[in-house]
């Protein structure tokens, strides 16, 4: 795909003509939220769910005024049409916009919608437990925040040590999530995922699986991690991906429960 156009504050621009002010709070302090969704066969997947989660983040951060859902949906449609893309990743980023200083917000938020190629999902991933925790008491807990450098640093560490993703616990020792995905374990014949009270992101695929009854929320610990007979992670762009290894313990991939989860997601998307 050639450099794709983007939508900034109500208009389509080429990537070479895009401008972000140096005093934008998204650049200065990561003051903003974003959402990433998949486009498949030219159609955005679970768009209403993504816009609802984005709006929740905007409201919790107190950013406004911002384009409404109809305008954002139209922006995505324009980008799909202008690129002719069939399978892509769309990211909507909303920041507090330029401010008088790093501590003082302005009144004109910045909204950017970008589109790029959607690569193939991995067939499986290896997870490594880490010493760092997810702060379930953070004011940003559960928000897809543009303050993402903590996750990026953890991912760099685990990938340097032979893993694809990290397993994060919360401050009380409960399992929470991965850096860029939700975590699911099969324990005693059921699919379970950590509760939102652990500070994990309310992932869209996670939401679909819980709402469909394919998975349940539970307080999970390291003991459950050791007892899991299957595991998988979920994200909007990769959907359901098998876990082949947790630390040094090998797991079978694409087991019956993982396949059942994929079927539940497929059914919900139609």
Protein backbone atom coordinates (compact mmCIF):
# COMPACT_ATOMS: atom_id res chain seq x y z
CA UNK A 1 0.00 0.00 0.00
CA UNK A 2 1.35 3.47 -0.90
CA UNK A 3 1.35 6.10 1.87
CA UNK A 4 -2.30 6.29 2.79
CA UNK A 5 -4.31 9.46 3.31
CA UNK A 6 -5.56 10.29 6.78
CA UNK A 7 -8.47 12.17 8.26
CA UNK A 8 -7.55 15.03 10.60
CA UNK A 9 -10.13 17.23 12.30
CA UNK A 10 -12.75 16.80 9.61
CA UNK A 11 -10.77 16.61 6.39
CA UNK A 12 -8.83 14.06 4.36
CA UNK A 13 -5.16 14.95 3.88
CA UNK A 14 -2.16 13.14 2.46
CA UNK A 15 0.41 11.85 4.92
CA UNK A 16 2.90 14.41 3.60
CA UNK A 17 0.52 17.29 4.31
CA UNK A 18 -0.43 16.25 7.83
CA UNK A 19 0.50 18.64 10.63
CA UNK A 20 0.44 18.19 14.38
CA UNK A 21 1.28 21.20 16.53
CA UNK A 22 4.28 20.79 18.81
CA UNK A 23 2.19 21.87 21.81
CA UNK A 24 -0.45 19.19 21.23
CA UNK A 25 -0.98 17.40 24.54
CA UNK A 26 -0.98 14.06 22.76
CA UNK A 27 2.63 14.74 21.77
CA UNK A 28 3.72 16.50 24.97
CA UNK A 29 2.30 14.20 27.64
CA UNK A 30 0.33 11.44 25.93
CA UNK A 31 -2.96 13.05 26.94
CA UNK A 32 -5.44 11.21 24.78
CA UNK A 33 -7.14 7.97 23.87
CA UNK A 34 -7.28 5.79 20.78
CA UNK A 35 -9.03 2.78 19.33
CA UNK A 36 -7.88 0.33 16.70
CA UNK A 37 -10.22 -1.78 14.61
CA UNK A 38 -9.97 -4.19 11.71
CA UNK A 39 -11.42 -3.78 8.25
CA UNK A 40 -12.13 -7.07 6.51
CA UNK A 41 -13.59 -7.42 3.03
CA UNK A 42 -13.94 -3.62 2.98
CA UNK A 43 -16.12 -3.49 6.10
CA UNK A 44 -15.15 -2.28 9.60
CA UNK A 45 -15.56 -5.07 12.17
CA UNK A 46 -17.54 -4.35 15.35
CA UNK A 47 -17.55 -0.62 14.56
CA UNK A 48 -20.34 0.31 16.99
CA UNK A 49 -18.54 -1.45 19.84
CA UNK A 50 -15.28 0.33 19.03
CA UNK A 51 -16.92 3.74 18.87
CA UNK A 52 -18.67 3.10 22.17
CA UNK A 53 -15.36 2.21 23.85
CA UNK A 54 -13.64 5.22 22.29
CA UNK A 55 -16.42 7.49 23.55
CA UNK A 56 -16.04 6.05 27.04
CA UNK A 57 -12.34 6.90 27.03
CA UNK A 58 -13.00 10.41 25.73
CA UNK A 59 -15.60 11.01 28.44
CA UNK A 60 -13.43 9.63 31.23
CA UNK A 61 -10.53 11.86 30.16
CA UNK A 62 -12.84 14.86 29.87
CA UNK A 63 -11.81 15.69 26.30
CA UNK A 64 -14.22 17.69 24.20
CA UNK A 65 -15.74 18.72 21.90
CA UNK A 66 -14.97 15.84 19.53
CA UNK A 67 -16.52 14.54 16.30
CA UNK A 68 -19.61 12.42 16.87
CA UNK A 69 -19.85 8.75 16.01
CA UNK A 70 -21.53 9.45 12.66
CA UNK A 71 -18.66 11.72 11.61
CA UNK A 72 -16.07 9.14 12.64
CA UNK A 73 -17.91 6.38 10.81
CA UNK A 74 -18.04 8.57 7.69
CA UNK A 75 -14.31 9.30 8.03
CA UNK A 76 -13.53 5.58 8.11
CA UNK A 77 -15.73 5.01 5.08
CA UNK A 78 -13.95 7.79 3.17
CA UNK A 79 -10.54 6.31 3.93
CA UNK A 80 -11.63 2.82 2.87
CA UNK A 81 -13.09 4.22 -0.36
CA UNK A 82 -10.07 6.41 -1.16
CA UNK A 83 -7.58 3.57 -0.68
CA UNK A 84 -9.69 0.76 -2.10
CA UNK A 85 -8.52 -1.32 0.84
CA UNK A 86 -10.23 -4.60 1.71
CA UNK A 87 -8.26 -5.71 4.77
CA UNK A 88 -6.79 -2.96 6.92
CA UNK A 89 -6.14 -1.59 10.37
CA UNK A 90 -7.90 1.65 11.26
CA UNK A 91 -6.80 3.73 14.21
CA UNK A 92 -8.81 6.61 15.68
CA UNK A 93 -6.73 8.88 17.92
CA UNK A 94 -8.22 11.67 20.01
CA UNK A 95 -5.95 13.97 22.00
CA UNK A 96 -6.64 16.97 24.20
CA UNK A 97 -5.09 19.10 21.44
CA UNK A 98 -2.74 22.06 21.74
CA UNK A 99 -2.47 23.63 25.17
CA UNK A 100 -1.01 26.70 26.78
CA UNK A 101 1.56 24.53 28.53
CA UNK A 102 2.17 20.87 29.33
CA UNK A 103 -0.09 21.30 32.37
CA UNK A 104 -2.85 23.44 30.86
CA UNK A 105 -5.19 22.02 28.22
CA UNK A 106 -6.59 24.04 25.39
CA UNK A 107 -10.12 23.84 24.03
CA UNK A 108 -9.60 22.33 20.57
CA UNK A 109 -8.97 18.56 20.68
CA UNK A 110 -7.22 16.79 17.83
CA UNK A 111 -8.87 13.82 16.10
CA UNK A 112 -6.94 11.69 13.62
CA UNK A 113 -8.12 8.62 11.70
CA UNK A 114 -5.46 6.56 9.91
CA UNK A 115 -5.55 3.41 7.81
CA UNK A 116 -2.85 0.90 6.90
CA UNK A 117 -2.46 -2.65 5.75
CA UNK A 118 -3.58 -5.43 8.04
CA UNK A 119 -0.96 -8.14 8.22
CA UNK A 120 -1.63 -11.80 8.85
CA UNK A 121 -2.29 -12.80 12.45
CA UNK A 122 0.35 -15.00 14.10
CA UNK A 123 -0.50 -18.68 14.29
CA UNK A 124 0.52 -18.78 17.97
CA UNK A 125 2.39 -16.74 20.58
CA UNK A 126 4.70 -17.36 23.51
CA UNK A 127 3.94 -15.49 26.74
CA UNK A 128 6.37 -14.52 29.46
CA UNK A 129 5.48 -13.44 32.99
CA UNK A 130 7.15 -10.22 34.12
CA UNK A 131 7.84 -8.41 37.37
CA UNK A 132 5.89 -5.30 36.36
CA UNK A 133 2.22 -4.99 37.24
CA UNK A 134 -0.94 -3.47 35.86
CA UNK A 135 -2.13 -0.75 38.25
CA UNK A 136 -5.83 -1.45 38.66
CA UNK A 137 -6.18 1.77 40.71
CA UNK A 138 -4.75 4.04 38.01
CA UNK A 139 -7.04 6.78 36.67
CA UNK A 140 -6.16 5.39 33.25
CA UNK A 141 -7.06 1.78 34.10
CA UNK A 142 -9.24 0.32 31.37
CA UNK A 143 -8.66 3.26 29.00
CA UNK A 144 -6.88 2.74 25.69
CA UNK A 145 -4.56 5.63 26.49
CA UNK A 146 -2.04 7.24 24.17
CA UNK A 147 0.31 7.12 27.19
CA UNK A 148 1.52 3.74 25.93
CA UNK A 149 5.27 3.85 26.55
CA UNK A 150 5.01 1.56 29.60
CA UNK A 151 3.52 -1.20 27.46
CA UNK A 152 6.07 -0.59 24.71
CA UNK A 153 8.96 -0.91 27.16
CA UNK A 154 7.61 -4.18 28.56
CA UNK A 155 7.13 -5.57 25.06
CA UNK A 156 10.70 -4.68 24.14
CA UNK A 157 11.90 -6.56 27.22
CA UNK A 158 9.88 -9.74 26.64
CA UNK A 159 10.78 -9.87 22.96
CA UNK A 160 14.45 -9.54 23.82
CA UNK A 161 13.97 -12.58 26.09
CA UNK A 162 12.32 -14.86 23.53
CA UNK A 163 8.62 -14.14 24.05
CA UNK A 164 5.96 -12.45 21.93
CA UNK A 165 3.86 -10.94 24.72
CA UNK A 166 3.88 -10.36 28.46
CA UNK A 167 1.56 -11.69 31.15
CA UNK A 168 0.71 -8.89 33.58
CA UNK A 169 -0.66 -9.32 37.08
CA UNK A 170 -2.39 -6.51 38.99
CA UNK A 171 -1.06 -5.09 42.24
CA UNK A 172 -2.91 -7.72 44.30
CA UNK A 173 -1.49 -10.72 42.42
CA UNK A 174 -4.45 -11.41 40.15
CA UNK A 175 -3.90 -12.02 36.45
CA UNK A 176 -4.84 -8.95 34.42
CA UNK A 177 -3.89 -8.98 30.73
CA UNK A 178 -1.11 -8.81 28.18
CA UNK A 179 0.35 -5.53 26.93
CA UNK A 180 -1.68 -5.41 23.73
CA UNK A 181 -4.20 -8.20 24.18
CA UNK A 182 -6.62 -9.81 26.58
CA UNK A 183 -5.76 -13.16 28.13
CA UNK A 184 -7.95 -16.27 28.28
CA UNK A 185 -7.24 -19.53 30.08
CA UNK A 186 -9.00 -22.88 29.88
CA UNK A 187 -9.21 -24.21 33.43
CA UNK A 188 -11.35 -27.16 34.52
CA UNK A 189 -13.18 -27.29 31.21
CA UNK A 190 -14.18 -23.64 30.97
CA UNK A 191 -12.79 -20.51 29.29
CA UNK A 192 -12.06 -17.76 31.80
CA UNK A 193 -10.63 -14.26 31.49
CA UNK A 194 -9.55 -11.78 34.19
CA UNK A 195 -12.20 -9.40 35.48
CA UNK A 196 -12.16 -5.73 34.50
CA UNK A 197 -11.45 -4.87 38.14
CA UNK A 198 -7.85 -6.00 37.52
CA UNK A 199 -7.30 -2.93 35.31
CA UNK A 200 -7.34 -4.85 32.04
CA UNK A 201 -8.59 -3.24 28.87
CA UNK A 202 -12.24 -3.95 28.01
CA UNK A 203 -11.26 -5.54 24.71
CA UNK A 204 -13.82 -5.81 21.95
CA UNK A 205 -13.20 -9.50 21.21
CA UNK A 206 -13.16 -10.10 24.97
CA UNK A 207 -16.55 -8.38 25.19
CA UNK A 208 -17.95 -10.55 22.39
CA UNK A 209 -16.78 -13.77 24.04
CA UNK A 210 -18.15 -12.85 27.47
CA UNK A 211 -21.48 -11.60 26.10
CA UNK A 212 -21.93 -14.74 23.99
CA UNK A 213 -21.35 -16.96 27.01
CA UNK A 214 -18.28 -18.56 25.45
CA UNK A 215 -16.12 -17.22 28.31
CA UNK A 216 -16.63 -16.04 31.87
CA UNK A 217 -14.88 -13.43 34.00
CA UNK A 218 -13.02 -14.79 37.02
CA UNK A 219 -10.39 -13.92 39.59
CA UNK A 220 -7.40 -15.74 38.15
CA UNK A 221 -3.97 -16.16 39.71
CA UNK A 222 -0.63 -17.72 38.91
CA UNK A 223 -2.05 -21.07 40.03
CA UNK A 224 -4.62 -20.93 37.22
CA UNK A 225 -1.86 -19.97 34.79
CA UNK A 226 0.03 -23.14 35.76
CA UNK A 227 -3.10 -25.33 35.53
CA UNK A 228 -4.40 -24.03 32.21
CA UNK A 229 -4.81 -26.75 29.59
CA UNK A 230 -5.26 -24.20 26.79
CA UNK A 231 -4.69 -20.49 26.53
CA UNK A 232 -5.25 -17.81 23.93
CA UNK A 233 -5.07 -14.05 23.61
CA UNK A 234 -7.44 -11.72 21.79
CA UNK A 235 -7.24 -8.37 20.04
CA UNK A 236 -9.35 -6.65 17.42
CA UNK A 237 -6.78 -6.99 14.64
CA UNK A 238 -5.68 -10.57 15.35
CA UNK A 239 -8.90 -11.80 17.03
CA UNK A 240 -8.17 -15.21 18.68
CA UNK A 241 -4.55 -16.39 18.78
CA UNK A 242 -3.37 -19.61 20.46
CA UNK A 243 -0.71 -19.55 23.17
CA UNK A 244 2.01 -22.11 22.52
CA UNK A 245 4.12 -21.42 25.61
CA UNK A 246 3.86 -19.67 28.98
CA UNK A 247 7.37 -19.12 30.33
CA UNK A 248 8.95 -22.57 29.86
CA UNK A 249 5.70 -24.58 29.82
CA UNK A 250 4.53 -25.77 26.41
CA UNK A 251 0.84 -25.81 25.52
CA UNK A 252 -1.01 -27.41 22.64
CA UNK A 253 -2.28 -24.84 20.18
CA UNK A 254 -5.67 -24.60 18.47
CA UNK A 255 -7.39 -26.83 20.98
CA UNK A 256 -11.17 -27.32 21.08
CA UNK A 257 -11.87 -24.36 23.35
CA UNK A 258 -9.75 -22.01 21.26
CA UNK A 259 -11.62 -23.17 18.16
CA UNK A 260 -14.92 -22.63 19.96
CA UNK A 261 -13.87 -19.07 20.78
CA UNK A 262 -13.04 -18.40 17.13
CA UNK A 263 -16.44 -19.71 16.10
CA UNK A 264 -18.16 -17.43 18.64
CA UNK A 265 -16.34 -14.37 17.27
CA UNK A 266 -17.16 -15.33 13.70
CA UNK A 267 -20.84 -15.76 14.57
CA UNK A 268 -20.99 -12.36 16.28
CA UNK A 269 -19.45 -10.58 13.29
CA UNK A 270 -22.30 -11.51 10.93
